[in-house]
Protein backbone atom coordinates (compact mmCIF):
# COMPACT_ATOMS: atom_id res chain seq x y z
CA UNK A 1 -62.95 -171.07 -123.06
CA UNK A 2 -65.06 -170.86 -126.22
CA UNK A 3 -64.50 -174.57 -126.80
CA UNK A 4 -65.89 -175.26 -123.33
CA UNK A 5 -68.93 -173.12 -124.10
CA UNK A 6 -69.54 -175.09 -127.29
CA UNK A 7 -69.31 -178.32 -125.32
CA UNK A 8 -71.80 -176.89 -122.84
CA UNK A 9 -74.04 -176.01 -125.78
CA UNK A 10 -74.04 -179.64 -126.90
CA UNK A 11 -74.80 -180.87 -123.38
CA UNK A 12 -77.64 -178.36 -123.10
CA UNK A 13 -79.19 -179.72 -126.29
CA UNK A 14 -79.03 -183.22 -124.83
CA UNK A 15 -80.65 -181.97 -121.63
CA UNK A 16 -83.38 -180.26 -123.62
CA UNK A 17 -84.17 -183.52 -125.43
CA UNK A 18 -84.41 -185.35 -122.11
CA UNK A 19 -86.62 -182.66 -120.61
CA UNK A 20 -89.13 -183.00 -123.48
CA UNK A 21 -89.77 -186.56 -122.37
CA UNK A 22 -90.50 -185.71 -118.73
CA UNK A 23 -94.06 -185.61 -117.39
CA UNK A 24 -95.70 -182.18 -117.50
CA UNK A 25 -95.90 -182.00 -113.68
CA UNK A 26 -92.14 -182.53 -113.41
CA UNK A 27 -91.51 -179.89 -116.07
CA UNK A 28 -93.52 -177.38 -114.09
CA UNK A 29 -91.30 -178.02 -111.09
CA UNK A 30 -88.05 -177.46 -112.99
CA UNK A 31 -86.28 -174.08 -112.74
CA UNK A 32 -86.61 -171.81 -115.75
CA UNK A 33 -82.81 -171.95 -116.31
CA UNK A 34 -83.00 -175.44 -117.82
CA UNK A 35 -84.65 -174.00 -120.94
CA UNK A 36 -81.71 -172.65 -122.95
CA UNK A 37 -81.71 -169.34 -124.78
CA UNK A 38 -81.44 -169.39 -128.55
CA UNK A 39 -77.89 -170.52 -129.28
CA UNK A 40 -75.61 -169.40 -132.06
CA UNK A 41 -74.50 -172.04 -134.53
CA UNK A 42 -71.20 -173.68 -133.56
CA UNK A 43 -68.36 -173.43 -136.10
CA UNK A 44 -64.66 -174.22 -136.03
CA UNK A 45 -63.59 -170.60 -136.55
CA UNK A 46 -65.17 -167.19 -137.00
CA UNK A 47 -62.97 -165.40 -139.53
CA UNK A 48 -62.89 -161.72 -140.47
CA UNK A 49 -61.00 -161.27 -143.74
CA UNK A 50 -59.82 -157.62 -143.65
CA UNK A 51 -58.24 -156.36 -146.89
CA UNK A 52 -56.35 -153.08 -147.41
CA UNK A 53 -57.75 -150.83 -150.18
CA UNK A 54 -55.93 -147.66 -149.13
CA UNK A 55 -54.48 -145.20 -151.64
CA UNK A 56 -51.17 -147.03 -151.81
CA UNK A 57 -53.01 -149.98 -153.39
CA UNK A 58 -53.69 -149.18 -157.03
CA UNK A 59 -56.70 -150.70 -158.88
CA UNK A 60 -54.63 -153.51 -160.39
CA UNK A 61 -53.23 -154.46 -156.99
CA UNK A 62 -56.67 -154.28 -155.39
CA UNK A 63 -57.91 -156.67 -158.05
CA UNK A 64 -54.96 -159.00 -157.41
CA UNK A 65 -55.93 -159.12 -153.73
CA UNK A 66 -59.58 -159.87 -154.50
CA UNK A 67 -58.64 -162.57 -156.99
CA UNK A 68 -56.18 -164.05 -154.50
CA UNK A 69 -58.91 -164.57 -151.91
CA UNK A 70 -61.35 -165.92 -154.49
CA UNK A 71 -58.79 -168.40 -155.82
CA UNK A 72 -57.84 -169.50 -152.31
CA UNK A 73 -61.45 -170.04 -151.25
CA UNK A 74 -62.13 -172.13 -154.34
CA UNK A 75 -59.00 -174.23 -153.85
CA UNK A 76 -59.92 -177.85 -153.02
CA UNK A 77 -57.35 -177.85 -150.18
CA UNK A 78 -59.15 -175.02 -148.38
CA UNK A 79 -62.52 -176.67 -148.86
CA UNK A 80 -61.11 -179.95 -147.56
CA UNK A 81 -59.68 -178.13 -144.51
CA UNK A 82 -63.10 -176.60 -143.82
CA UNK A 83 -64.80 -179.99 -143.90
CA UNK A 84 -62.01 -181.55 -141.82
CA UNK A 85 -62.71 -179.59 -138.63
CA UNK A 86 -64.73 -180.96 -135.70
CA UNK A 87 -67.88 -179.17 -136.90
CA UNK A 88 -67.04 -179.31 -140.60
CA UNK A 89 -67.87 -175.64 -141.12
CA UNK A 90 -66.57 -172.14 -140.50
CA UNK A 91 -68.07 -168.66 -140.73
CA UNK A 92 -66.46 -165.75 -142.55
CA UNK A 93 -67.03 -162.12 -143.49
CA UNK A 94 -65.06 -160.09 -146.05
CA UNK A 95 -64.18 -156.47 -145.16
CA UNK A 96 -62.19 -153.86 -147.11
CA UNK A 97 -60.58 -150.98 -145.24
CA UNK A 98 -58.43 -147.88 -145.58
CA UNK A 99 -58.38 -144.80 -143.31
CA UNK A 100 -60.22 -144.16 -140.05
CA UNK A 101 -63.60 -143.65 -141.73
CA UNK A 102 -63.45 -146.37 -144.39
CA UNK A 103 -64.33 -149.92 -143.34
CA UNK A 104 -66.72 -151.59 -145.74
CA UNK A 105 -68.31 -155.01 -145.25
CA UNK A 106 -68.28 -156.48 -148.76
CA UNK A 107 -69.86 -159.81 -147.77
CA UNK A 108 -71.48 -160.36 -144.38
CA UNK A 109 -71.17 -163.37 -142.10
CA UNK A 110 -71.68 -166.56 -144.06
CA UNK A 111 -71.50 -170.22 -143.14
CA UNK A 112 -68.93 -172.05 -145.27
CA UNK A 113 -69.27 -175.81 -145.25
CA UNK A 114 -69.89 -177.48 -148.60
CA UNK A 115 -68.50 -176.45 -152.01
CA UNK A 116 -71.73 -174.68 -152.95
CA UNK A 117 -71.64 -172.36 -149.93
CA UNK A 118 -67.95 -171.55 -150.49
CA UNK A 119 -68.54 -170.86 -154.17
CA UNK A 120 -71.43 -168.50 -153.40
CA UNK A 121 -69.29 -166.59 -150.90
CA UNK A 122 -66.38 -166.36 -153.36
CA UNK A 123 -68.70 -165.19 -156.15
CA UNK A 124 -70.13 -162.46 -153.89
CA UNK A 125 -66.61 -161.24 -153.14
CA UNK A 126 -65.62 -161.28 -156.82
CA UNK A 127 -68.73 -159.44 -158.03
CA UNK A 128 -68.90 -156.64 -155.44
CA UNK A 129 -68.02 -153.07 -156.54
CA UNK A 130 -64.50 -152.04 -155.57
CA UNK A 131 -63.73 -148.80 -153.72
CA UNK A 132 -60.48 -147.28 -152.48
CA UNK A 133 -59.76 -144.49 -150.01
CA UNK A 134 -56.75 -142.61 -148.67
CA UNK A 135 -54.70 -143.37 -145.56
CA UNK A 136 -54.05 -146.59 -143.67
CA UNK A 137 -55.66 -147.22 -140.29
CA UNK A 138 -54.99 -150.76 -139.11
CA UNK A 139 -56.20 -149.76 -135.64
CA UNK A 140 -59.55 -148.61 -137.03
CA UNK A 141 -60.19 -151.85 -138.89
CA UNK A 142 -59.37 -153.86 -135.75
CA UNK A 143 -61.80 -151.70 -133.75
CA UNK A 144 -64.38 -152.17 -136.53
CA UNK A 145 -63.90 -155.94 -136.65
CA UNK A 146 -64.14 -156.72 -132.93
CA UNK A 147 -67.90 -155.97 -132.57
CA UNK A 148 -68.61 -158.05 -135.68
CA UNK A 149 -68.17 -161.19 -133.58
CA UNK A 150 -71.11 -160.29 -131.33
CA UNK A 151 -74.49 -161.81 -132.17
CA UNK A 152 -73.42 -162.77 -135.68
CA UNK A 153 -75.29 -166.07 -135.57
CA UNK A 154 -72.15 -168.17 -134.99
CA UNK A 155 -70.08 -169.41 -132.07
CA UNK A 156 -66.55 -170.41 -133.04
CA UNK A 157 -63.95 -172.29 -131.04
CA UNK A 158 -61.62 -169.58 -132.40
CA UNK A 159 -62.16 -165.95 -133.45
CA UNK A 160 -59.66 -164.55 -135.94
CA UNK A 161 -59.11 -161.21 -137.68
CA UNK A 162 -56.99 -161.74 -140.80
CA UNK A 163 -55.42 -158.42 -141.88
CA UNK A 164 -53.64 -157.95 -145.21
CA UNK A 165 -52.00 -154.65 -146.11
CA UNK A 166 -49.02 -152.94 -147.71
CA UNK A 167 -48.34 -150.16 -145.21
CA UNK A 168 -48.01 -149.11 -141.61
CA UNK A 169 -50.73 -147.53 -139.47
CA UNK A 170 -50.76 -143.79 -140.22
CA UNK A 171 -54.20 -142.73 -138.92
CA UNK A 172 -56.24 -143.44 -135.82
CA UNK A 173 -55.11 -144.56 -132.41
CA UNK A 174 -51.91 -146.58 -131.97
CA UNK A 175 -52.35 -149.99 -133.53
CA UNK A 176 -50.91 -151.69 -130.45
CA UNK A 177 -53.79 -150.35 -128.35
CA UNK A 178 -56.38 -151.74 -130.74
CA UNK A 179 -54.54 -155.06 -130.98
CA UNK A 180 -54.26 -155.45 -127.22
CA UNK A 181 -57.94 -154.63 -126.70
CA UNK A 182 -58.93 -157.29 -129.25
CA UNK A 183 -56.59 -159.89 -127.75
CA UNK A 184 -58.03 -159.18 -124.29
CA UNK A 185 -61.38 -160.33 -125.67
CA UNK A 186 -59.95 -163.65 -126.85
CA UNK A 187 -59.49 -162.64 -130.49
CA UNK A 188 -56.43 -163.60 -132.53
CA UNK A 189 -55.05 -161.20 -135.15
CA UNK A 190 -53.02 -162.69 -138.00
CA UNK A 191 -51.23 -160.68 -140.65
CA UNK A 192 -50.39 -160.82 -144.32
CA UNK A 193 -48.01 -157.93 -145.04
CA UNK A 194 -47.55 -157.25 -148.75
CA UNK A 195 -43.92 -156.31 -149.21
CA UNK A 196 -42.92 -153.88 -151.94
CA UNK A 197 -40.30 -151.16 -152.34
CA UNK A 198 -42.20 -148.60 -154.37
CA UNK A 199 -43.30 -145.25 -152.87
CA UNK A 200 -46.99 -144.55 -152.44
CA UNK A 201 -48.82 -142.32 -154.97
CA UNK A 202 -48.25 -139.19 -152.82
CA UNK A 203 -44.49 -139.62 -152.73
CA UNK A 204 -44.18 -141.22 -149.29
CA UNK A 205 -41.45 -143.77 -148.81
CA UNK A 206 -42.24 -147.47 -148.71
CA UNK A 207 -42.06 -149.10 -145.24
CA UNK A 208 -38.54 -150.17 -144.29
CA UNK A 209 -39.49 -153.59 -142.89
CA UNK A 210 -43.22 -154.20 -143.05
CA UNK A 211 -42.82 -157.84 -142.05
CA UNK A 212 -41.17 -156.85 -138.76
CA UNK A 213 -43.76 -154.10 -138.26
CA UNK A 214 -46.64 -156.55 -138.55
CA UNK A 215 -44.89 -159.02 -136.26
CA UNK A 216 -44.14 -156.45 -133.56
CA UNK A 217 -47.19 -154.20 -133.72
CA UNK A 218 -50.12 -155.88 -135.49
CA UNK A 219 -50.45 -159.62 -134.85
CA UNK A 220 -51.37 -160.96 -131.43
CA UNK A 221 -53.42 -163.47 -129.51
CA UNK A 222 -53.31 -167.26 -129.18
CA UNK A 223 -51.33 -168.81 -132.03
CA UNK A 224 -50.99 -165.52 -133.95
CA UNK A 225 -48.80 -165.61 -137.04
CA UNK A 226 -48.06 -163.77 -140.27
CA UNK A 227 -47.40 -164.91 -143.81
CA UNK A 228 -45.68 -162.22 -145.90
CA UNK A 229 -46.34 -161.83 -149.61
CA UNK A 230 -43.13 -160.80 -151.34
CA UNK A 231 -45.15 -158.64 -153.75
CA UNK A 232 -48.70 -158.36 -155.05
CA UNK A 233 -48.06 -161.08 -157.64
CA UNK A 234 -47.22 -163.50 -154.80
CA UNK A 235 -50.36 -162.60 -152.86
CA UNK A 236 -52.48 -165.53 -154.12
CA UNK A 237 -49.97 -168.13 -152.91
CA UNK A 238 -49.55 -166.36 -149.57
CA UNK A 239 -53.27 -166.14 -148.86
CA UNK A 240 -53.75 -169.79 -149.79
CA UNK A 241 -51.09 -170.80 -147.24
CA UNK A 242 -52.59 -168.48 -144.64
CA UNK A 243 -56.18 -169.62 -145.11
CA UNK A 244 -55.16 -173.25 -144.82
CA UNK A 245 -53.53 -172.52 -141.47
CA UNK A 246 -56.40 -170.41 -140.17
CA UNK A 247 -59.12 -172.85 -141.18
CA UNK A 248 -57.30 -175.91 -139.85
CA UNK A 249 -56.00 -174.23 -136.70
CA UNK A 250 -52.54 -175.73 -137.33
CA UNK A 251 -49.61 -173.70 -136.04
CA UNK A 252 -47.06 -172.56 -138.66
CA UNK A 253 -43.98 -173.36 -136.59
CA UNK A 254 -41.21 -175.08 -138.51
CA UNK A 255 -42.73 -174.52 -141.92
CA UNK A 256 -40.00 -172.31 -143.27
CA UNK A 257 -38.86 -168.66 -143.39
CA UNK A 258 -42.09 -167.37 -144.94
CA UNK A 259 -44.03 -168.14 -141.78
CA UNK A 260 -43.50 -166.09 -138.63
CA UNK A 261 -45.36 -166.72 -135.37
CA UNK A 262 -45.60 -164.28 -132.50
């Protein structure tokens, strides 16, 4: 549906150009509806990067996550994928989250098209102060992310929330409710579960099967998939693979056991 709206946007621009050339008397006779409202800039995907900074993620691991995104964004393959889309650009925002009351937009919506714009975005992510909070509310970050797509200056053929985390939802409403509400609005939620077997700092047990949890309860929407990171050290490779898929819109089917589609 969004792709059809973008096509309509292009046709409206053509109509506007034609209207400019009409005689003034004819223009006065035209209905007001032919003059389009200010349109948002078309992009191939609107992407919310949502990164877990809950208490189970220690400072070193939080830094590994940040560096993983920065390295992936600066990778020539990702930049080539961005330029290879129909519009040759995407929009992205970088959000860190923890419990119900902690969702922090680190870098707001930014157009990513040429290397310079990607490098500026990556530098802003790398240089921002880092904060952590207790608890894990995946449902709250989904509810936080959904309104970010409204009036953000961009109109994507796809809208994606990319959630990375190392634990299950333990605060806020059931994550399935938040997921289903987002999917009902045409949003896809992809996941990057970070698998580890160590207990959290307060003695709680590590999740039994976080990959299955993300597959069954977190991801959803058209073409939703997850890419697990086997530990924090493997995060950079996992996010590179995931970003390439999200930017290009290619489905991960048949690419091996590390890719799981819903």
